């Protein structure tokens, strides 16, 4: 009985945030990869057709493409998106959720809640 290890991508321009989230996700058995920009992630996604994360964690505010723009470009891909942000803004939250984000979590977030949120996103449950 084979179970697949969930694969989660973290896109955040803050390297320390990427490291912390990767460490947290790996501690519960997930495989992770991180990108410091939306452009870098989207380039990898488009250049490797077999590259398919189970969930994408996106920071809202990044140089270049912000998280909302990355989400817009992922529209129709079926990839669940969880937003994380240090700048909780009600309008951005509404925009992200109305565009299909699974969740919108302000930093710093509770580790247990974050893990539950990512698991729910991967399983397709609210």
N, C-alpha and C. Protein backbone atom coordinates (compact mmCIF):
# COMPACT_ATOMS: atom_id res chain seq x y z
N UNK A 1 0.85 -1.17 0.00
CA UNK A 1 0.00 0.00 0.00
C UNK A 1 0.89 1.22 0.00
N UNK A 2 1.02 1.86 -1.16
CA UNK A 2 1.92 3.00 -1.28
C UNK A 2 1.19 4.31 -1.04
N UNK A 3 1.80 5.16 -0.26
CA UNK A 3 1.25 6.49 -0.07
C UNK A 3 2.26 7.48 -0.63
N UNK A 4 1.74 8.48 -1.28
CA UNK A 4 2.65 9.47 -1.85
C UNK A 4 2.90 10.57 -0.82
N UNK A 5 4.11 11.06 -0.82
CA UNK A 5 4.48 12.14 0.07
C UNK A 5 4.01 13.45 -0.54
N UNK A 6 3.24 14.25 0.21
CA UNK A 6 2.79 15.53 -0.33
C UNK A 6 3.99 16.43 -0.69
N UNK A 7 3.87 17.11 -1.82
CA UNK A 7 4.91 18.01 -2.30
C UNK A 7 4.37 19.43 -2.28
N UNK A 8 4.99 20.28 -1.48
CA UNK A 8 4.52 21.65 -1.28
C UNK A 8 5.62 22.63 -1.71
N UNK A 9 5.22 23.64 -2.47
CA UNK A 9 6.14 24.69 -2.91
C UNK A 9 5.86 25.95 -2.09
N UNK A 10 6.94 26.59 -1.64
CA UNK A 10 6.86 27.84 -0.89
C UNK A 10 7.47 28.94 -1.76
N UNK A 11 6.71 30.00 -2.00
CA UNK A 11 7.21 31.13 -2.78
C UNK A 11 7.18 32.37 -1.88
N UNK A 12 8.36 32.80 -1.45
CA UNK A 12 8.48 33.94 -0.54
C UNK A 12 9.86 34.55 -0.75
N UNK A 13 9.94 35.87 -0.83
CA UNK A 13 11.22 36.53 -1.06
C UNK A 13 12.09 36.59 0.19
N UNK A 14 11.54 36.20 1.35
CA UNK A 14 12.31 36.19 2.59
C UNK A 14 12.85 34.77 2.81
N UNK A 15 14.16 34.62 2.65
CA UNK A 15 14.79 33.31 2.74
C UNK A 15 14.56 32.65 4.10
N UNK A 16 14.54 33.44 5.17
CA UNK A 16 14.35 32.86 6.51
C UNK A 16 12.94 32.29 6.65
N UNK A 17 11.96 32.93 6.04
CA UNK A 17 10.58 32.41 6.06
C UNK A 17 10.52 31.10 5.28
N UNK A 18 11.15 31.06 4.12
CA UNK A 18 11.20 29.82 3.32
C UNK A 18 11.81 28.69 4.14
N UNK A 19 12.94 28.96 4.77
CA UNK A 19 13.61 27.92 5.56
C UNK A 19 12.72 27.42 6.69
N UNK A 20 12.09 28.34 7.40
CA UNK A 20 11.25 27.97 8.54
C UNK A 20 10.04 27.13 8.08
N UNK A 21 9.41 27.54 7.01
CA UNK A 21 8.24 26.80 6.51
C UNK A 21 8.66 25.43 5.99
N UNK A 22 9.78 25.38 5.26
CA UNK A 22 10.27 24.09 4.76
C UNK A 22 10.58 23.15 5.93
N UNK A 23 11.21 23.66 6.96
CA UNK A 23 11.54 22.85 8.13
C UNK A 23 10.26 22.33 8.79
N UNK A 24 9.27 23.20 8.94
CA UNK A 24 8.00 22.82 9.55
C UNK A 24 7.29 21.74 8.72
N UNK A 25 7.22 21.95 7.41
CA UNK A 25 6.54 20.98 6.55
C UNK A 25 7.28 19.64 6.50
N UNK A 26 8.59 19.70 6.47
CA UNK A 26 9.37 18.46 6.47
C UNK A 26 9.20 17.70 7.77
N UNK A 27 8.98 18.42 8.87
CA UNK A 27 8.81 17.76 10.17
C UNK A 27 7.55 16.91 10.23
N UNK A 28 6.61 17.16 9.33
CA UNK A 28 5.39 16.35 9.27
C UNK A 28 5.37 15.46 8.03
N UNK A 29 6.53 15.32 7.39
CA UNK A 29 6.66 14.35 6.31
C UNK A 29 6.42 14.86 4.90
N UNK A 30 6.31 16.16 4.71
CA UNK A 30 6.10 16.70 3.37
C UNK A 30 7.44 16.90 2.67
N UNK A 31 7.42 16.82 1.36
CA UNK A 31 8.55 17.21 0.54
C UNK A 31 8.32 18.66 0.17
N UNK A 32 9.38 19.47 0.21
CA UNK A 32 9.20 20.90 -0.08
C UNK A 32 10.27 21.42 -1.02
N UNK A 33 9.93 22.50 -1.66
CA UNK A 33 10.88 23.24 -2.47
C UNK A 33 10.50 24.71 -2.32
N UNK A 34 11.47 25.60 -2.38
CA UNK A 34 11.14 27.01 -2.24
C UNK A 34 11.70 27.83 -3.39
N UNK A 35 11.05 28.95 -3.60
CA UNK A 35 11.44 29.91 -4.64
C UNK A 35 11.41 31.30 -4.03
N UNK A 36 12.35 32.13 -4.44
CA UNK A 36 12.42 33.48 -3.87
C UNK A 36 11.61 34.49 -4.67
N UNK A 37 11.01 34.05 -5.79
CA UNK A 37 10.17 34.96 -6.57
C UNK A 37 9.10 34.18 -7.32
N UNK A 38 8.02 34.89 -7.61
CA UNK A 38 6.95 34.29 -8.40
C UNK A 38 7.41 33.93 -9.80
N UNK A 39 8.26 34.79 -10.37
CA UNK A 39 8.78 34.53 -11.72
C UNK A 39 9.55 33.22 -11.77
N UNK A 40 10.42 33.01 -10.77
CA UNK A 40 11.24 31.80 -10.72
C UNK A 40 10.35 30.56 -10.66
N UNK A 41 9.33 30.60 -9.80
CA UNK A 41 8.41 29.47 -9.67
C UNK A 41 7.65 29.22 -10.97
N UNK A 42 7.08 30.27 -11.55
CA UNK A 42 6.29 30.11 -12.78
C UNK A 42 7.15 29.60 -13.93
N UNK A 43 8.41 30.02 -14.00
CA UNK A 43 9.32 29.54 -15.04
C UNK A 43 9.55 28.04 -14.88
N UNK A 44 9.79 27.60 -13.66
CA UNK A 44 9.98 26.17 -13.41
C UNK A 44 8.71 25.40 -13.78
N UNK A 45 7.58 25.91 -13.37
CA UNK A 45 6.30 25.25 -13.62
C UNK A 45 6.04 25.10 -15.13
N UNK A 46 6.33 26.14 -15.88
CA UNK A 46 6.05 26.09 -17.33
C UNK A 46 7.10 25.30 -18.11
N UNK A 47 8.31 25.22 -17.59
CA UNK A 47 9.37 24.54 -18.34
C UNK A 47 9.44 23.04 -18.06
N UNK A 48 8.74 22.61 -17.01
CA UNK A 48 8.75 21.18 -16.65
C UNK A 48 7.31 20.69 -16.51
N UNK A 49 6.75 20.14 -17.58
CA UNK A 49 5.34 19.72 -17.53
C UNK A 49 5.02 18.72 -16.42
N UNK A 50 6.00 17.92 -16.00
CA UNK A 50 5.75 16.93 -14.95
C UNK A 50 5.86 17.52 -13.54
N UNK A 51 6.29 18.78 -13.44
CA UNK A 51 6.45 19.44 -12.15
C UNK A 51 5.06 19.82 -11.64
N UNK A 52 4.63 19.17 -10.57
CA UNK A 52 3.26 19.37 -10.10
C UNK A 52 3.19 19.33 -8.58
N UNK A 53 3.33 20.50 -7.93
CA UNK A 53 3.19 20.50 -6.47
C UNK A 53 1.74 20.20 -6.08
N UNK A 54 1.57 19.68 -4.87
CA UNK A 54 0.23 19.41 -4.35
C UNK A 54 -0.41 20.66 -3.76
N UNK A 55 0.44 21.64 -3.42
CA UNK A 55 -0.04 22.89 -2.83
C UNK A 55 1.05 23.95 -3.02
N UNK A 56 0.62 25.19 -3.18
CA UNK A 56 1.55 26.32 -3.32
C UNK A 56 1.28 27.31 -2.19
N UNK A 57 2.34 27.62 -1.44
CA UNK A 57 2.28 28.63 -0.39
C UNK A 57 2.85 29.91 -0.99
N UNK A 58 2.05 30.97 -1.04
CA UNK A 58 2.47 32.22 -1.68
C UNK A 58 2.48 33.38 -0.70
N UNK A 59 3.57 34.12 -0.70
CA UNK A 59 3.60 35.40 0.01
C UNK A 59 2.84 36.41 -0.85
N UNK A 60 2.17 37.33 -0.24
CA UNK A 60 1.45 38.36 -1.00
C UNK A 60 2.42 39.38 -1.57
N UNK A 61 3.25 39.96 -0.71
CA UNK A 61 4.12 41.05 -1.16
C UNK A 61 5.52 40.55 -1.46
N UNK A 62 5.84 40.56 -2.76
CA UNK A 62 7.17 40.18 -3.24
C UNK A 62 7.55 41.14 -4.35
N UNK A 63 8.86 41.36 -4.53
CA UNK A 63 9.28 42.17 -5.67
C UNK A 63 8.93 41.45 -6.97
N UNK A 64 8.75 42.22 -8.03
CA UNK A 64 8.35 41.61 -9.30
C UNK A 64 6.88 41.24 -9.21
N UNK A 65 6.57 40.00 -9.55
CA UNK A 65 5.19 39.54 -9.46
C UNK A 65 4.80 39.34 -8.00
N UNK A 66 3.71 39.97 -7.57
CA UNK A 66 3.26 39.71 -6.21
C UNK A 66 2.45 38.41 -6.19
N UNK A 67 2.10 37.97 -5.01
CA UNK A 67 1.40 36.70 -4.87
C UNK A 67 0.07 36.65 -5.61
N UNK A 68 -0.66 37.77 -5.61
CA UNK A 68 -1.95 37.80 -6.31
C UNK A 68 -1.77 37.61 -7.81
N UNK A 69 -0.70 38.18 -8.38
CA UNK A 69 -0.43 38.00 -9.81
C UNK A 69 -0.03 36.56 -10.11
N UNK A 70 0.76 35.97 -9.24
CA UNK A 70 1.14 34.56 -9.43
C UNK A 70 -0.13 33.69 -9.37
N UNK A 71 -1.01 33.97 -8.40
CA UNK A 71 -2.26 33.24 -8.30
C UNK A 71 -3.08 33.39 -9.59
N UNK A 72 -3.14 34.60 -10.11
CA UNK A 72 -3.90 34.84 -11.34
C UNK A 72 -3.34 33.99 -12.49
N UNK A 73 -2.02 33.90 -12.57
CA UNK A 73 -1.38 33.11 -13.63
C UNK A 73 -1.55 31.61 -13.43
N UNK A 74 -1.83 31.20 -12.20
CA UNK A 74 -2.06 29.79 -11.91
C UNK A 74 -3.53 29.39 -12.13
N UNK A 75 -4.38 30.38 -12.38
CA UNK A 75 -5.81 30.11 -12.53
C UNK A 75 -6.03 29.00 -13.56
N UNK A 76 -6.89 28.08 -13.20
CA UNK A 76 -7.20 26.97 -14.09
C UNK A 76 -6.25 25.79 -13.97
N UNK A 77 -5.19 25.94 -13.19
CA UNK A 77 -4.20 24.86 -13.06
C UNK A 77 -4.66 23.80 -12.06
N UNK A 78 -5.60 24.17 -11.21
CA UNK A 78 -6.05 23.24 -10.17
C UNK A 78 -5.13 23.16 -8.97
N UNK A 79 -4.08 23.99 -8.95
CA UNK A 79 -3.15 23.97 -7.82
C UNK A 79 -3.75 24.76 -6.66
N UNK A 80 -3.91 24.13 -5.49
CA UNK A 80 -4.41 24.87 -4.34
C UNK A 80 -3.37 25.87 -3.85
N UNK A 81 -3.84 27.08 -3.53
CA UNK A 81 -2.97 28.16 -3.07
C UNK A 81 -3.34 28.57 -1.65
N UNK A 82 -2.31 28.67 -0.81
CA UNK A 82 -2.46 29.20 0.54
C UNK A 82 -1.59 30.45 0.60
N UNK A 83 -2.19 31.58 0.95
CA UNK A 83 -1.44 32.82 1.06
C UNK A 83 -0.94 33.01 2.48
N UNK A 84 0.28 33.57 2.58
CA UNK A 84 0.83 34.01 3.85
C UNK A 84 1.27 35.46 3.66
N UNK A 85 1.11 36.27 4.68
CA UNK A 85 1.49 37.67 4.54
C UNK A 85 1.80 38.32 5.87
N UNK A 86 2.76 39.21 5.85
CA UNK A 86 3.08 40.00 7.03
C UNK A 86 2.22 41.27 7.07
N UNK A 87 1.55 41.56 5.97
CA UNK A 87 0.73 42.78 5.87
C UNK A 87 -0.72 42.38 5.61
N UNK A 88 -1.42 42.03 6.69
CA UNK A 88 -2.80 41.58 6.55
C UNK A 88 -3.66 42.76 6.12
N UNK A 89 -4.24 42.65 4.95
CA UNK A 89 -5.05 43.71 4.38
C UNK A 89 -6.39 43.10 3.96
N UNK A 90 -7.48 43.66 4.44
CA UNK A 90 -8.81 43.09 4.19
C UNK A 90 -9.13 43.04 2.70
N UNK A 91 -8.70 44.04 1.94
CA UNK A 91 -8.99 44.04 0.50
C UNK A 91 -8.20 42.96 -0.23
N UNK A 92 -6.91 42.81 0.13
CA UNK A 92 -6.11 41.76 -0.49
C UNK A 92 -6.63 40.39 -0.11
N UNK A 93 -7.03 40.25 1.15
CA UNK A 93 -7.60 38.98 1.62
C UNK A 93 -8.83 38.63 0.78
N UNK A 94 -9.72 39.60 0.62
CA UNK A 94 -10.95 39.37 -0.16
C UNK A 94 -10.61 39.01 -1.61
N UNK A 95 -9.66 39.73 -2.18
CA UNK A 95 -9.26 39.47 -3.56
C UNK A 95 -8.68 38.06 -3.72
N UNK A 96 -7.81 37.66 -2.79
CA UNK A 96 -7.18 36.34 -2.85
C UNK A 96 -8.21 35.23 -2.71
N UNK A 97 -9.09 35.36 -1.73
CA UNK A 97 -10.08 34.32 -1.49
C UNK A 97 -11.12 34.25 -2.60
N UNK A 98 -11.51 35.40 -3.14
CA UNK A 98 -12.49 35.38 -4.24
C UNK A 98 -11.89 34.80 -5.51
N UNK A 99 -10.56 34.86 -5.63
CA UNK A 99 -9.89 34.28 -6.80
C UNK A 99 -9.59 32.79 -6.61
N UNK A 100 -10.01 32.25 -5.45
CA UNK A 100 -9.89 30.81 -5.28
C UNK A 100 -8.85 30.32 -4.28
N UNK A 101 -8.20 31.22 -3.56
CA UNK A 101 -7.23 30.77 -2.55
C UNK A 101 -7.94 29.94 -1.49
N UNK A 102 -7.26 28.92 -1.01
CA UNK A 102 -7.81 28.06 0.03
C UNK A 102 -7.81 28.78 1.37
N UNK A 103 -6.76 29.56 1.63
CA UNK A 103 -6.64 30.26 2.90
C UNK A 103 -5.73 31.47 2.75
N UNK A 104 -5.82 32.35 3.73
CA UNK A 104 -5.03 33.59 3.78
C UNK A 104 -4.61 33.76 5.23
N UNK A 105 -3.34 33.48 5.51
CA UNK A 105 -2.86 33.48 6.89
C UNK A 105 -1.88 34.62 7.15
N UNK A 106 -2.16 35.45 8.15
CA UNK A 106 -1.20 36.50 8.51
C UNK A 106 0.00 35.91 9.25
N UNK A 107 1.19 36.47 8.97
CA UNK A 107 2.41 36.08 9.68
C UNK A 107 2.50 36.92 10.95
N UNK A 108 3.00 36.41 12.02
CA UNK A 108 3.37 35.01 12.22
C UNK A 108 2.11 34.19 12.43
N UNK A 109 2.12 32.96 11.95
CA UNK A 109 0.95 32.10 12.09
C UNK A 109 1.26 30.95 13.04
N UNK A 110 0.21 30.36 13.54
CA UNK A 110 0.31 29.21 14.43
C UNK A 110 0.71 28.00 13.58
N UNK A 111 1.79 27.31 13.98
CA UNK A 111 2.30 26.18 13.21
C UNK A 111 1.25 25.09 13.01
N UNK A 112 0.52 24.77 14.07
CA UNK A 112 -0.49 23.72 13.98
C UNK A 112 -1.59 24.10 13.00
N UNK A 113 -2.05 25.34 13.07
CA UNK A 113 -3.07 25.81 12.14
C UNK A 113 -2.55 25.78 10.70
N UNK A 114 -1.30 26.18 10.53
CA UNK A 114 -0.69 26.19 9.20
C UNK A 114 -0.67 24.78 8.61
N UNK A 115 -0.21 23.81 9.39
CA UNK A 115 -0.15 22.41 8.92
C UNK A 115 -1.55 21.91 8.57
N UNK A 116 -2.53 22.19 9.44
CA UNK A 116 -3.91 21.77 9.16
C UNK A 116 -4.42 22.41 7.88
N UNK A 117 -4.08 23.67 7.67
CA UNK A 117 -4.52 24.39 6.48
C UNK A 117 -3.92 23.78 5.22
N UNK A 118 -2.63 23.49 5.25
CA UNK A 118 -1.96 22.91 4.09
C UNK A 118 -2.52 21.51 3.81
N UNK A 119 -2.72 20.73 4.85
CA UNK A 119 -3.30 19.39 4.65
C UNK A 119 -4.70 19.48 4.03
N UNK A 120 -5.51 20.41 4.52
CA UNK A 120 -6.85 20.59 3.97
C UNK A 120 -6.79 21.02 2.51
N UNK A 121 -5.86 21.90 2.20
CA UNK A 121 -5.70 22.35 0.81
C UNK A 121 -5.35 21.19 -0.10
N UNK A 122 -4.44 20.34 0.35
CA UNK A 122 -4.01 19.19 -0.46
C UNK A 122 -5.16 18.20 -0.63
N UNK A 123 -5.94 18.01 0.41
CA UNK A 123 -7.05 17.06 0.35
C UNK A 123 -8.29 17.65 -0.31
N UNK A 124 -8.26 18.95 -0.57
CA UNK A 124 -9.40 19.58 -1.21
C UNK A 124 -10.58 19.79 -0.29
N UNK A 125 -10.31 19.88 1.02
CA UNK A 125 -11.38 20.12 1.98
C UNK A 125 -11.27 21.53 2.52
N UNK A 126 -12.41 22.16 2.78
CA UNK A 126 -12.36 23.54 3.29
C UNK A 126 -11.84 23.63 4.71
